Amino acid sequence: MHYVVRRITAEEWRELREITLEALRDSPDAFNLSYADTAAQPDGHWQEQAATEATAEERATFTVRDEAGAWVGIAGVEPVPDVPDTVCVRSVYVTPAHRGTAGPAAELVRAIIRHARDHTAAQWLTLGVNESNGRALAFYRRLGFEDTGKVIPYVRNPAEKVFILGYPDFRSGARTGSK
């Protein structure tokens, strides 16, 4: 199947809302947000978020679409407020029917890496993965992310851990995850 990965537009706030809520229903422990709180957000919140994600220099959301144009995934990148010189991959989600090695997840994450490299001055690219999400940990490692040794509590359940992975070749661009 052929997929199209591109940055969202400000007008796509309804689609952004829909796939975000789908992601929270499907994989509630993979995100820092709750479905209930997110579903309660008014249209204005989604309009503002889509406009920011479509136009901001250092943060962005990309979508992946199938051949029919349906949204089958999203991912974002943004600066880490408390960690200077660092941007973070966030909110990576692909619908269950499009997961696996033939799916678009790797292409989506590579687009985020390229955007971060081209549109930020940050020297470090990181992401966090819940300790219970072994599939995601394996996926990111295949793309070239490595353990940083940093572990933080999971926001929604501090008894759980989030492993922080880093992309060591972020600025050199030597590794693109072609494994």
C-alpha atoms as a PDB file:
ATOM      1  CA  MET A   1       0.000   0.000   0.000  1.00  0.00           C
ATOM      2  CA  HIS A   2       1.131   3.522  -0.744  1.00  0.00           C
ATOM      3  CA  TYR A   3       1.019   6.102   2.059  1.00  0.00           C
ATOM      4  CA  VAL A   4       1.345   9.873   2.049  1.00  0.00           C
ATOM      5  CA  VAL A   5       3.056  11.606   4.973  1.00  0.00           C
ATOM      6  CA  ARG A   6       2.760  15.372   5.309  1.00  0.00           C
ATOM      7  CA  ARG A   7       2.379  18.139   7.836  1.00  0.00           C
ATOM      8  CA  ILE A   8      -1.172  18.920   8.852  1.00  0.00           C
ATOM      9  CA  THR A   9      -2.892  22.138   7.811  1.00  0.00           C
ATOM     10  CA  ALA A  10      -4.765  24.524  10.078  1.00  0.00           C
ATOM     11  CA  GLU A  11      -8.051  23.529   8.452  1.00  0.00           C
ATOM     12  CA  GLU A  12      -7.656  19.891   9.486  1.00  0.00           C
ATOM     13  CA  TRP A  13      -8.583  20.393  13.140  1.00  0.00           C
ATOM     14  CA  ARG A  14     -11.561  18.007  12.955  1.00  0.00           C
ATOM     15  CA  GLU A  15      -9.366  15.221  11.576  1.00  0.00           C
ATOM     16  CA  LEU A  16      -6.712  15.963  14.209  1.00  0.00           C
ATOM     17  CA  ARG A  17      -9.350  15.692  16.940  1.00  0.00           C
ATOM     18  CA  GLU A  18     -10.740  12.454  15.506  1.00  0.00           C
ATOM     19  CA  ILE A  19      -7.428  10.622  15.215  1.00  0.00           C
ATOM     20  CA  THR A  20      -6.203  11.906  18.585  1.00  0.00           C
ATOM     21  CA  LEU A  21      -9.324  10.544  20.277  1.00  0.00           C
ATOM     22  CA  GLU A  22      -8.945   7.267  18.367  1.00  0.00           C
ATOM     23  CA  ALA A  23      -5.359   6.985  19.594  1.00  0.00           C
ATOM     24  CA  LEU A  24      -6.413   7.589  23.201  1.00  0.00           C
ATOM     25  CA  ARG A  25      -9.176   4.966  22.951  1.00  0.00           C
ATOM     26  CA  ASP A  26      -6.900   2.419  21.299  1.00  0.00           C
ATOM     27  CA  SER A  27      -3.721   2.959  23.329  1.00  0.00           C
ATOM     28  CA  PRO A  28      -4.586   4.860  26.521  1.00  0.00           C
ATOM     29  CA  ASP A  29      -1.324   4.029  28.316  1.00  0.00           C
ATOM     30  CA  ALA A  30       0.855   5.263  25.444  1.00  0.00           C
ATOM     31  CA  PHE A  31      -0.010   8.930  25.948  1.00  0.00           C
ATOM     32  CA  ASN A  32       0.096  11.492  28.750  1.00  0.00           C
ATOM     33  CA  LEU A  33      -3.464  12.627  28.008  1.00  0.00           C
ATOM     34  CA  SER A  34      -6.707  11.025  29.102  1.00  0.00           C
ATOM     35  CA  TYR A  35      -9.508  10.334  26.654  1.00  0.00           C
ATOM     36  CA  ALA A  36     -12.123  12.032  28.850  1.00  0.00           C
ATOM     37  CA  ASP A  37     -10.160  15.264  29.284  1.00  0.00           C
ATOM     38  CA  THR A  38      -9.205  15.388  25.621  1.00  0.00           C
ATOM     39  CA  ALA A  39     -12.735  14.638  24.361  1.00  0.00           C
ATOM     40  CA  ALA A  40     -14.062  17.474  26.510  1.00  0.00           C
ATOM     41  CA  GLN A  41     -11.932  20.094  24.737  1.00  0.00           C
ATOM     42  CA  PRO A  42     -14.008  22.620  22.734  1.00  0.00           C
ATOM     43  CA  ASP A  43     -13.639  23.134  19.000  1.00  0.00           C
ATOM     44  CA  GLY A  44     -11.576  26.272  19.626  1.00  0.00           C
ATOM     45  CA  HIS A  45      -8.893  24.203  21.345  1.00  0.00           C
ATOM     46  CA  TRP A  46      -8.583  21.933  18.305  1.00  0.00           C
ATOM     47  CA  GLN A  47      -8.602  24.854  15.880  1.00  0.00           C
ATOM     48  CA  GLU A  48      -5.800  26.549  17.802  1.00  0.00           C
ATOM     49  CA  GLN A  49      -3.799  23.337  18.101  1.00  0.00           C
ATOM     50  CA  ALA A  50      -4.083  22.547  14.393  1.00  0.00           C
ATOM     51  CA  ALA A  51      -3.088  26.097  13.448  1.00  0.00           C
ATOM     52  CA  THR A  52      -0.032  25.946  15.720  1.00  0.00           C
ATOM     53  CA  GLU A  53       1.006  22.457  14.593  1.00  0.00           C
ATOM     54  CA  ALA A  54       0.669  23.519  10.956  1.00  0.00           C
ATOM     55  CA  THR A  55       2.687  26.712  11.152  1.00  0.00           C
ATOM     56  CA  ALA A  56       5.055  26.786  14.141  1.00  0.00           C
ATOM     57  CA  GLU A  57       8.737  26.511  13.348  1.00  0.00           C
ATOM     58  CA  GLU A  58       9.931  24.236  16.161  1.00  0.00           C
ATOM     59  CA  ARG A  59       6.843  22.099  16.666  1.00  0.00           C
ATOM     60  CA  ALA A  60       4.710  20.241  14.166  1.00  0.00           C
ATOM     61  CA  THR A  61       2.268  17.398  13.687  1.00  0.00           C
ATOM     62  CA  PHE A  62       2.456  15.149  10.653  1.00  0.00           C
ATOM     63  CA  THR A  63      -0.229  12.838   9.402  1.00  0.00           C
ATOM     64  CA  VAL A  64      -0.048   9.704   7.333  1.00  0.00           C
ATOM     65  CA  ARG A  65      -2.857   8.835   4.943  1.00  0.00           C
ATOM     66  CA  ASP A  66      -3.750   5.704   3.060  1.00  0.00           C
ATOM     67  CA  GLU A  67      -4.469   5.492  -0.664  1.00  0.00           C
ATOM     68  CA  ALA A  68      -8.069   6.606  -0.098  1.00  0.00           C
ATOM     69  CA  GLY A  69      -6.913   9.694   1.823  1.00  0.00           C
ATOM     70  CA  ALA A  70      -8.036   8.465   5.243  1.00  0.00           C
ATOM     71  CA  TRP A  71      -5.877   9.444   8.198  1.00  0.00           C
ATOM     72  CA  VAL A  72      -4.186   6.314   9.522  1.00  0.00           C
ATOM     73  CA  GLY A  73      -1.560   7.894  11.760  1.00  0.00           C
ATOM     74  CA  ILE A  74      -0.075  10.980  13.361  1.00  0.00           C
ATOM     75  CA  ALA A  75       3.137  12.014  15.076  1.00  0.00           C
ATOM     76  CA  GLY A  76       4.497  15.245  16.438  1.00  0.00           C
ATOM     77  CA  VAL A  77       7.675  16.948  17.547  1.00  0.00           C
ATOM     78  CA  GLU A  78       8.207  19.835  19.941  1.00  0.00           C
ATOM     79  CA  PRO A  79      10.858  21.415  22.155  1.00  0.00           C
ATOM     80  CA  VAL A  80      11.213  20.005  25.663  1.00  0.00           C
ATOM     81  CA  PRO A  81      10.508  23.009  27.915  1.00  0.00           C
ATOM     82  CA  ASP A  82      12.709  21.956  30.830  1.00  0.00           C
ATOM     83  CA  VAL A  83      15.563  20.465  28.795  1.00  0.00           C
ATOM     84  CA  PRO A  84      17.523  23.041  26.791  1.00  0.00           C
ATOM     85  CA  ASP A  85      18.602  22.227  23.252  1.00  0.00           C
ATOM     86  CA  THR A  86      16.250  19.218  23.037  1.00  0.00           C
ATOM     87  CA  VAL A  87      13.224  18.379  20.909  1.00  0.00           C
ATOM     88  CA  CYS A  88      10.970  15.421  21.547  1.00  0.00           C
ATOM     89  CA  VAL A  89       9.052  13.095  19.253  1.00  0.00           C
ATOM     90  CA  ARG A  90       5.523  12.802  20.648  1.00  0.00           C
ATOM     91  CA  SER A  91       2.110  11.316  20.072  1.00  0.00           C
ATOM     92  CA  VAL A  92       3.111   8.677  17.530  1.00  0.00           C
ATOM     93  CA  TYR A  93       0.087   6.640  16.560  1.00  0.00           C
ATOM     94  CA  VAL A  94      -0.840   4.372  13.654  1.00  0.00           C
ATOM     95  CA  THR A  95      -4.227   2.675  13.417  1.00  0.00           C
ATOM     96  CA  PRO A  96      -4.121  -1.070  14.144  1.00  0.00           C
ATOM     97  CA  ALA A  97      -4.927  -2.098  10.550  1.00  0.00           C
ATOM     98  CA  HIS A  98      -1.819  -0.261   9.306  1.00  0.00           C
ATOM     99  CA  ARG A  99       0.739  -1.403  11.882  1.00  0.00           C
ATOM    100  CA  GLY A 100       3.631  -3.747  11.199  1.00  0.00           C
ATOM    101  CA  THR A 101       6.720  -3.717   9.062  1.00  0.00           C
ATOM    102  CA  ALA A 102       4.782  -2.934   5.864  1.00  0.00           C
ATOM    103  CA  GLY A 103       2.966  -0.048   7.565  1.00  0.00           C
ATOM    104  CA  PRO A 104       3.788   3.661   7.544  1.00  0.00           C
ATOM    105  CA  ALA A 105       5.096   4.141  11.106  1.00  0.00           C
ATOM    106  CA  ALA A 106       8.794   4.256  10.188  1.00  0.00           C
ATOM    107  CA  GLU A 107       8.163   6.687   7.330  1.00  0.00           C
ATOM    108  CA  LEU A 108       6.111   8.880   9.670  1.00  0.00           C
ATOM    109  CA  VAL A 109       8.829   9.003  12.348  1.00  0.00           C
ATOM    110  CA  ARG A 110      11.504   9.686   9.717  1.00  0.00           C
ATOM    111  CA  ALA A 111       9.452  12.684   8.520  1.00  0.00           C
ATOM    112  CA  ILE A 112       9.373  13.986  12.092  1.00  0.00           C
ATOM    113  CA  ILE A 113      13.132  13.516  12.426  1.00  0.00           C
ATOM    114  CA  ARG A 114      13.738  15.409   9.167  1.00  0.00           C
ATOM    115  CA  HIS A 115      11.437  18.228  10.251  1.00  0.00           C
ATOM    116  CA  ALA A 116      13.194  18.545  13.613  1.00  0.00           C
ATOM    117  CA  ARG A 117      16.605  18.519  11.934  1.00  0.00           C
ATOM    118  CA  ASP A 118      15.594  21.121   9.333  1.00  0.00           C
ATOM    119  CA  HIS A 119      13.486  23.442  11.507  1.00  0.00           C
ATOM    120  CA  THR A 120      15.122  23.507  14.927  1.00  0.00           C
ATOM    121  CA  ALA A 121      18.524  24.384  16.293  1.00  0.00           C
ATOM    122  CA  ALA A 122      18.268  21.652  18.939  1.00  0.00           C
ATOM    123  CA  GLN A 123      21.185  19.275  19.272  1.00  0.00           C
ATOM    124  CA  TRP A 124      19.214  16.411  20.833  1.00  0.00           C
ATOM    125  CA  LEU A 125      16.145  14.462  19.733  1.00  0.00           C
ATOM    126  CA  THR A 126      14.452  12.271  22.316  1.00  0.00           C
ATOM    127  CA  LEU A 127      11.226  10.446  22.997  1.00  0.00           C
ATOM    128  CA  GLY A 128       9.620   8.685  25.935  1.00  0.00           C
ATOM    129  CA  VAL A 129       8.154   5.184  25.960  1.00  0.00           C
ATOM    130  CA  ASN A 130       6.120   3.608  28.740  1.00  0.00           C
ATOM    131  CA  GLU A 131       7.917   0.599  30.223  1.00  0.00           C
ATOM    132  CA  SER A 132       4.944  -1.619  29.367  1.00  0.00           C
ATOM    133  CA  ASN A 133       5.134  -0.829  25.647  1.00  0.00           C
ATOM    134  CA  GLY A 134       7.765  -3.320  24.509  1.00  0.00           C
ATOM    135  CA  ARG A 135       6.598  -3.176  20.906  1.00  0.00           C
ATOM    136  CA  ALA A 136       7.196   0.585  20.735  1.00  0.00           C
ATOM    137  CA  LEU A 137      10.606   0.246  22.415  1.00  0.00           C
ATOM    138  CA  ALA A 138      11.668  -2.339  19.826  1.00  0.00           C
ATOM    139  CA  PHE A 139      10.329  -0.200  16.961  1.00  0.00           C
ATOM    140  CA  TYR A 140      12.223   2.938  18.037  1.00  0.00           C
ATOM    141  CA  ARG A 141      15.418   0.985  18.576  1.00  0.00           C
ATOM    142  CA  ARG A 142      15.154  -0.379  15.020  1.00  0.00           C
ATOM    143  CA  LEU A 143      14.972   3.224  13.809  1.00  0.00           C
ATOM    144  CA  GLY A 144      18.206   4.099  15.617  1.00  0.00           C
ATOM    145  CA  PHE A 145      16.981   5.436  18.955  1.00  0.00           C
ATOM    146  CA  GLU A 146      19.051   4.335  21.941  1.00  0.00           C
ATOM    147  CA  ASP A 147      18.560   4.196  25.692  1.00  0.00           C
ATOM    148  CA  THR A 148      19.776   7.362  27.397  1.00  0.00           C
ATOM    149  CA  GLY A 149      19.693   5.858  30.874  1.00  0.00           C
ATOM    150  CA  LYS A 150      17.075   8.409  31.880  1.00  0.00           C
ATOM    151  CA  VAL A 151      13.822   7.181  33.375  1.00  0.00           C
ATOM    152  CA  ILE A 152      10.943   9.399  34.487  1.00  0.00           C
ATOM    153  CA  PRO A 153       7.617   8.615  36.156  1.00  0.00           C
ATOM    154  CA  TYR A 154       4.643   8.198  33.839  1.00  0.00           C
ATOM    155  CA  VAL A 155       2.486  11.322  34.233  1.00  0.00           C
ATOM    156  CA  ARG A 156      -0.810   9.447  34.498  1.00  0.00           C
ATOM    157  CA  ASN A 157       0.519   6.754  36.852  1.00  0.00           C
ATOM    158  CA  PRO A 158       3.758   7.698  38.660  1.00  0.00           C
ATOM    159  CA  ALA A 159       4.251   4.060  39.722  1.00  0.00           C
ATOM    160  CA  GLU A 160       5.049   3.279  36.076  1.00  0.00           C
ATOM    161  CA  LYS A 161       8.261   4.277  34.326  1.00  0.00           C
ATOM    162  CA  VAL A 162       8.883   6.025  31.028  1.00  0.00           C
ATOM    163  CA  PHE A 163      12.200   5.274  29.343  1.00  0.00           C
ATOM    164  CA  ILE A 164      13.797   8.210  27.544  1.00  0.00           C
ATOM    165  CA  LEU A 165      15.413   7.229  24.243  1.00  0.00           C
ATOM    166  CA  GLY A 166      17.692   9.476  22.220  1.00  0.00           C
ATOM    167  CA  TYR A 167      18.566   9.632  18.553  1.00  0.00           C
ATOM    168  CA  PRO A 168      22.388   9.862  18.662  1.00  0.00           C
ATOM    169  CA  ASP A 169      22.866  10.746  14.998  1.00  0.00           C
ATOM    170  CA  PHE A 170      20.230  13.476  14.995  1.00  0.00           C
ATOM    171  CA  ARG A 171      22.504  16.242  13.766  1.00  0.00           C
ATOM    172  CA  SER A 172      24.810  14.122  11.643  1.00  0.00           C
ATOM    173  CA  GLY A 173      21.925  12.537   9.754  1.00  0.00           C
ATOM    174  CA  ALA A 174      24.076   9.425   9.341  1.00  0.00           C
ATOM    175  CA  ARG A 175      21.402   7.062  10.529  1.00  0.00           C
ATOM    176  CA  THR A 176      17.948   7.158   8.984  1.00  0.00           C
ATOM    177  CA  GLY A 177      16.543   3.932  10.315  1.00  0.00           C
ATOM    178  CA  SER A 178      16.776   1.934   7.134  1.00  0.00           C
ATOM    179  CA  LYS A 179      17.221  -1.341   8.991  1.00  0.00           C
END
